[in-house]
Amino acid sequence: MSGAEHDFGAFVAARATSLLRVAYLACGDETEAEDLLQTALERTYKNWDRVRHDSPEPYVRRVIINAAISRARRRAILSIIPMHSPPETSARAGDPDLVHVLMDALRALPPRQRAVIVLRYWEDLSETQTAEVLGCALGTVKSQASKALAKLRSALGRETVEGVIKNAHA
């Protein structure tokens, strides 16, 4: 095993759980999160010689977020295309557990807003770091966070959202 392969393996061993959490929060589905992480790690490995000298974790986060946004856009386009028979929709679980309620609210956000919330409040990145990961302006991060929090407050109630944000890392 070469030094680069060893370094990549050590990086994955150390950060895979955290990166899987980012992927899950970005897409809201456990299986899709695993696929997103796998895709991100494949792309990172291909560029490892360039990425490893910088901090590789922001690079992987950006790949995860971009892939999640691309998949959401693809799904949105496919939902517009008429089908011969309507797809079966699963019944919503009546589980009052806050995690399920919060995940439903996160899934309802547009992909870019969901990405900002995940990176800012779950990954505890600064606004500047979030802008770097998403490849957008600082003002975009601020406006998307504001809009997303307003939607979450509307869906969940102000006290619930503030409590979740305060306890995100507890």
C-alpha atoms as a PDB file:
ATOM      1  CA  MET A   1       0.000   0.000   0.000  1.00  0.00           C
ATOM      2  CA  SER A   2       1.449   3.369  -1.002  1.00  0.00           C
ATOM      3  CA  GLY A   3       1.667   6.352   1.301  1.00  0.00           C
ATOM      4  CA  ALA A   4      -1.175   8.114  -0.510  1.00  0.00           C
ATOM      5  CA  GLU A   5      -3.451   5.075  -0.177  1.00  0.00           C
ATOM      6  CA  HIS A   6      -2.557   4.794   3.508  1.00  0.00           C
ATOM      7  CA  ASP A   7      -3.291   8.511   4.047  1.00  0.00           C
ATOM      8  CA  PHE A   8      -6.635   8.193   2.257  1.00  0.00           C
ATOM      9  CA  GLY A   9      -7.543   5.107   4.301  1.00  0.00           C
ATOM     10  CA  ALA A  10      -6.652   6.887   7.525  1.00  0.00           C
ATOM     11  CA  PHE A  11      -8.740   9.904   6.497  1.00  0.00           C
ATOM     12  CA  VAL A  12     -11.762   7.726   5.705  1.00  0.00           C
ATOM     13  CA  ALA A  13     -11.392   5.783   8.961  1.00  0.00           C
ATOM     14  CA  ALA A  14     -11.223   8.994  10.975  1.00  0.00           C
ATOM     15  CA  ARG A  15     -13.952  11.046   9.253  1.00  0.00           C
ATOM     16  CA  ALA A  16     -16.407   8.604   7.625  1.00  0.00           C
ATOM     17  CA  THR A  17     -19.010   8.781  10.405  1.00  0.00           C
ATOM     18  CA  SER A  18     -19.076  12.566  10.417  1.00  0.00           C
ATOM     19  CA  LEU A  19     -19.242  12.694   6.618  1.00  0.00           C
ATOM     20  CA  LEU A  20     -22.051  10.114   6.557  1.00  0.00           C
ATOM     21  CA  ARG A  21     -24.002  12.329   8.958  1.00  0.00           C
ATOM     22  CA  VAL A  22     -23.551  15.287   6.578  1.00  0.00           C
ATOM     23  CA  ALA A  23     -24.758  13.148   3.685  1.00  0.00           C
ATOM     24  CA  TYR A  24     -27.775  11.907   5.645  1.00  0.00           C
ATOM     25  CA  LEU A  25     -28.773  15.394   6.707  1.00  0.00           C
ATOM     26  CA  ALA A  26     -28.280  16.677   3.161  1.00  0.00           C
ATOM     27  CA  CYS A  27     -30.618  14.114   1.611  1.00  0.00           C
ATOM     28  CA  GLY A  28     -32.720  12.713   4.473  1.00  0.00           C
ATOM     29  CA  ASP A  29     -32.425   9.091   3.425  1.00  0.00           C
ATOM     30  CA  GLU A  30     -30.005   6.572   4.928  1.00  0.00           C
ATOM     31  CA  THR A  31     -29.438   4.547   1.751  1.00  0.00           C
ATOM     32  CA  GLU A  32     -29.027   7.629  -0.414  1.00  0.00           C
ATOM     33  CA  ALA A  33     -26.636   9.085   2.183  1.00  0.00           C
ATOM     34  CA  GLU A  34     -24.429   6.014   1.890  1.00  0.00           C
ATOM     35  CA  ASP A  35     -24.470   6.386  -1.903  1.00  0.00           C
ATOM     36  CA  LEU A  36     -23.617  10.082  -1.648  1.00  0.00           C
ATOM     37  CA  LEU A  37     -20.707   9.376   0.673  1.00  0.00           C
ATOM     38  CA  GLN A  38     -19.442   6.605  -1.588  1.00  0.00           C
ATOM     39  CA  THR A  39     -19.604   8.922  -4.602  1.00  0.00           C
ATOM     40  CA  ALA A  40     -17.821  11.676  -2.697  1.00  0.00           C
ATOM     41  CA  LEU A  41     -15.073   9.326  -1.507  1.00  0.00           C
ATOM     42  CA  GLU A  42     -14.566   7.975  -5.034  1.00  0.00           C
ATOM     43  CA  ARG A  43     -14.154  11.485  -6.407  1.00  0.00           C
ATOM     44  CA  THR A  44     -11.868  12.422  -3.541  1.00  0.00           C
ATOM     45  CA  TYR A  45      -9.691   9.367  -4.079  1.00  0.00           C
ATOM     46  CA  LYS A  46      -9.291  10.241  -7.760  1.00  0.00           C
ATOM     47  CA  ASN A  47      -8.047  13.703  -6.742  1.00  0.00           C
ATOM     48  CA  TRP A  48      -6.268  12.633  -3.539  1.00  0.00           C
ATOM     49  CA  ASP A  49      -2.807  13.825  -4.586  1.00  0.00           C
ATOM     50  CA  ARG A  50      -4.172  17.343  -4.991  1.00  0.00           C
ATOM     51  CA  VAL A  51      -6.701  17.279  -2.119  1.00  0.00           C
ATOM     52  CA  ARG A  52      -4.645  15.672   0.647  1.00  0.00           C
ATOM     53  CA  HIS A  53      -2.229  18.581   0.971  1.00  0.00           C
ATOM     54  CA  ASP A  54      -5.098  20.940   1.686  1.00  0.00           C
ATOM     55  CA  SER A  55      -7.794  19.994   4.145  1.00  0.00           C
ATOM     56  CA  PRO A  56      -9.658  17.113   2.463  1.00  0.00           C
ATOM     57  CA  GLU A  57     -12.774  17.247   4.639  1.00  0.00           C
ATOM     58  CA  PRO A  58     -14.208  20.496   3.183  1.00  0.00           C
ATOM     59  CA  TYR A  59     -13.606  19.067  -0.293  1.00  0.00           C
ATOM     60  CA  VAL A  60     -15.567  15.908   0.547  1.00  0.00           C
ATOM     61  CA  ARG A  61     -18.369  17.942   2.161  1.00  0.00           C
ATOM     62  CA  ARG A  62     -18.650  20.045  -0.973  1.00  0.00           C
ATOM     63  CA  VAL A  63     -18.838  16.955  -3.180  1.00  0.00           C
ATOM     64  CA  ILE A  64     -21.555  15.497  -0.912  1.00  0.00           C
ATOM     65  CA  ILE A  65     -23.616  18.689  -0.943  1.00  0.00           C
ATOM     66  CA  ASN A  66     -23.250  19.201  -4.698  1.00  0.00           C
ATOM     67  CA  ALA A  67     -24.201  15.571  -5.378  1.00  0.00           C
ATOM     68  CA  ALA A  68     -27.239  15.854  -3.079  1.00  0.00           C
ATOM     69  CA  ILE A  69     -28.379  19.029  -4.842  1.00  0.00           C
ATOM     70  CA  SER A  70     -27.881  17.426  -8.269  1.00  0.00           C
ATOM     71  CA  ARG A  71     -29.885  14.359  -7.266  1.00  0.00           C
ATOM     72  CA  ALA A  72     -32.693  16.513  -5.874  1.00  0.00           C
ATOM     73  CA  ARG A  73     -32.830  18.491  -9.115  1.00  0.00           C
ATOM     74  CA  ARG A  74     -32.885  15.278 -11.137  1.00  0.00           C
ATOM     75  CA  ARG A  75     -35.743  13.953  -8.992  1.00  0.00           C
ATOM     76  CA  ALA A  76     -37.654  17.215  -9.429  1.00  0.00           C
ATOM     77  CA  ILE A  77     -37.279  17.024 -13.200  1.00  0.00           C
ATOM     78  CA  LEU A  78     -38.360  13.386 -13.228  1.00  0.00           C
ATOM     79  CA  SER A  79     -41.435  14.222 -11.160  1.00  0.00           C
ATOM     80  CA  ILE A  80     -42.532  16.635 -13.908  1.00  0.00           C
ATOM     81  CA  ILE A  81     -42.293  13.966 -16.612  1.00  0.00           C
ATOM     82  CA  PRO A  82     -45.700  12.268 -16.949  1.00  0.00           C
ATOM     83  CA  MET A  83     -45.925   8.596 -16.013  1.00  0.00           C
ATOM     84  CA  HIS A  84     -48.371   5.973 -17.202  1.00  0.00           C
ATOM     85  CA  SER A  85     -49.414   5.189 -13.659  1.00  0.00           C
ATOM     86  CA  PRO A  86     -48.897   7.374 -10.615  1.00  0.00           C
ATOM     87  CA  PRO A  87     -46.185   6.220  -8.228  1.00  0.00           C
ATOM     88  CA  GLU A  88     -47.200   4.762  -4.922  1.00  0.00           C
ATOM     89  CA  THR A  89     -46.626   7.159  -2.081  1.00  0.00           C
ATOM     90  CA  SER A  90     -45.853   5.914   1.358  1.00  0.00           C
ATOM     91  CA  ALA A  91     -48.061   6.922   4.220  1.00  0.00           C
ATOM     92  CA  ARG A  92     -46.515   9.388   6.617  1.00  0.00           C
ATOM     93  CA  ALA A  93     -45.657   7.863   9.921  1.00  0.00           C
ATOM     94  CA  GLY A  94     -47.484   9.427  12.849  1.00  0.00           C
ATOM     95  CA  ASP A  95     -44.357   9.162  14.994  1.00  0.00           C
ATOM     96  CA  PRO A  96     -44.182  12.226  17.220  1.00  0.00           C
ATOM     97  CA  ASP A  97     -40.463  11.700  17.823  1.00  0.00           C
ATOM     98  CA  LEU A  98     -38.682  15.006  17.251  1.00  0.00           C
ATOM     99  CA  VAL A  99     -36.024  13.453  15.038  1.00  0.00           C
ATOM    100  CA  HIS A 100     -38.625  12.252  12.558  1.00  0.00           C
ATOM    101  CA  VAL A 101     -40.488  15.553  12.667  1.00  0.00           C
ATOM    102  CA  LEU A 102     -37.272  17.482  12.133  1.00  0.00           C
ATOM    103  CA  MET A 103     -36.136  15.233   9.274  1.00  0.00           C
ATOM    104  CA  ASP A 104     -39.502  15.708   7.562  1.00  0.00           C
ATOM    105  CA  ALA A 105     -39.123  19.472   7.918  1.00  0.00           C
ATOM    106  CA  LEU A 106     -35.550  19.312   6.573  1.00  0.00           C
ATOM    107  CA  ARG A 107     -36.652  17.208   3.592  1.00  0.00           C
ATOM    108  CA  ALA A 108     -39.268  19.846   2.785  1.00  0.00           C
ATOM    109  CA  LEU A 109     -36.578  22.511   2.377  1.00  0.00           C
ATOM    110  CA  PRO A 110     -35.101  23.173  -1.061  1.00  0.00           C
ATOM    111  CA  PRO A 111     -31.712  21.429  -1.469  1.00  0.00           C
ATOM    112  CA  ARG A 112     -29.574  24.577  -1.185  1.00  0.00           C
ATOM    113  CA  GLN A 113     -31.352  25.717   1.994  1.00  0.00           C
ATOM    114  CA  ARG A 114     -31.069  22.228   3.475  1.00  0.00           C
ATOM    115  CA  ALA A 115     -27.337  22.224   2.670  1.00  0.00           C
ATOM    116  CA  VAL A 116     -26.837  25.556   4.424  1.00  0.00           C
ATOM    117  CA  ILE A 117     -28.702  24.375   7.544  1.00  0.00           C
ATOM    118  CA  VAL A 118     -26.754  21.113   7.684  1.00  0.00           C
ATOM    119  CA  LEU A 119     -23.374  22.775   7.264  1.00  0.00           C
ATOM    120  CA  ARG A 120     -24.066  25.757   9.563  1.00  0.00           C
ATOM    121  CA  TYR A 121     -25.886  24.066  12.432  1.00  0.00           C
ATOM    122  CA  TRP A 122     -24.988  20.379  12.378  1.00  0.00           C
ATOM    123  CA  GLU A 123     -21.441  20.663  11.147  1.00  0.00           C
ATOM    124  CA  ASP A 124     -21.005  23.949  13.033  1.00  0.00           C
ATOM    125  CA  LEU A 125     -19.223  25.645  10.145  1.00  0.00           C
ATOM    126  CA  SER A 126     -18.971  29.417  10.052  1.00  0.00           C
ATOM    127  CA  GLU A 127     -20.848  31.343   7.387  1.00  0.00           C
ATOM    128  CA  THR A 128     -17.565  31.846   5.536  1.00  0.00           C
ATOM    129  CA  GLN A 129     -16.698  28.131   5.667  1.00  0.00           C
ATOM    130  CA  THR A 130     -20.214  27.231   4.516  1.00  0.00           C
ATOM    131  CA  ALA A 131     -19.874  29.638   1.575  1.00  0.00           C
ATOM    132  CA  GLU A 132     -16.550  28.012   0.649  1.00  0.00           C
ATOM    133  CA  VAL A 133     -18.009  24.490   0.791  1.00  0.00           C
ATOM    134  CA  LEU A 134     -21.000  25.497  -1.325  1.00  0.00           C
ATOM    135  CA  GLY A 135     -18.971  27.672  -3.674  1.00  0.00           C
ATOM    136  CA  CYS A 136     -21.243  30.667  -3.231  1.00  0.00           C
ATOM    137  CA  ALA A 137     -21.172  34.165  -1.776  1.00  0.00           C
ATOM    138  CA  LEU A 138     -21.374  34.833   1.950  1.00  0.00           C
ATOM    139  CA  GLY A 139     -24.604  36.775   1.384  1.00  0.00           C
ATOM    140  CA  THR A 140     -26.143  33.729  -0.270  1.00  0.00           C
ATOM    141  CA  VAL A 141     -25.397  31.631   2.816  1.00  0.00           C
ATOM    142  CA  LYS A 142     -26.961  34.273   5.063  1.00  0.00           C
ATOM    143  CA  SER A 143     -30.092  34.640   2.961  1.00  0.00           C
ATOM    144  CA  GLN A 144     -30.550  30.886   2.476  1.00  0.00           C
ATOM    145  CA  ALA A 145     -30.090  30.270   6.221  1.00  0.00           C
ATOM    146  CA  SER A 146     -32.605  32.998   7.041  1.00  0.00           C
ATOM    147  CA  LYS A 147     -35.186  31.624   4.604  1.00  0.00           C
ATOM    148  CA  ALA A 148     -34.633  28.033   5.764  1.00  0.00           C
ATOM    149  CA  LEU A 149     -34.938  28.923   9.451  1.00  0.00           C
ATOM    150  CA  ALA A 150     -38.131  30.862   8.726  1.00  0.00           C
ATOM    151  CA  LYS A 151     -39.594  27.800   6.966  1.00  0.00           C
ATOM    152  CA  LEU A 152     -38.511  25.504   9.806  1.00  0.00           C
ATOM    153  CA  ARG A 153     -39.988  27.879  12.410  1.00  0.00           C
ATOM    154  CA  SER A 154     -43.217  27.975  10.447  1.00  0.00           C
ATOM    155  CA  ALA A 155     -43.358  24.185  10.139  1.00  0.00           C
ATOM    156  CA  LEU A 156     -42.183  23.307  13.639  1.00  0.00           C
ATOM    157  CA  GLY A 157     -42.763  26.355  15.803  1.00  0.00           C
ATOM    158  CA  ARG A 158     -40.126  28.831  16.992  1.00  0.00           C
ATOM    159  CA  GLU A 159     -39.408  27.096  20.337  1.00  0.00           C
ATOM    160  CA  THR A 160     -38.812  23.710  18.714  1.00  0.00           C
ATOM    161  CA  VAL A 161     -36.349  25.076  16.128  1.00  0.00           C
ATOM    162  CA  GLU A 162     -34.410  27.145  18.659  1.00  0.00           C
ATOM    163  CA  GLY A 163     -34.200  24.142  21.018  1.00  0.00           C
ATOM    164  CA  VAL A 164     -32.995  21.824  18.265  1.00  0.00           C
ATOM    165  CA  ILE A 165     -30.325  24.283  17.147  1.00  0.00           C
ATOM    166  CA  LYS A 166     -29.065  24.773  20.721  1.00  0.00           C
ATOM    167  CA  ASN A 167     -28.956  21.012  21.305  1.00  0.00           C
ATOM    168  CA  ALA A 168     -27.577  19.994  17.894  1.00  0.00           C
ATOM    169  CA  HIS A 169     -24.208  19.027  19.349  1.00  0.00           C
ATOM    170  CA  ALA A 170     -25.373  18.009  22.823  1.00  0.00           C
END
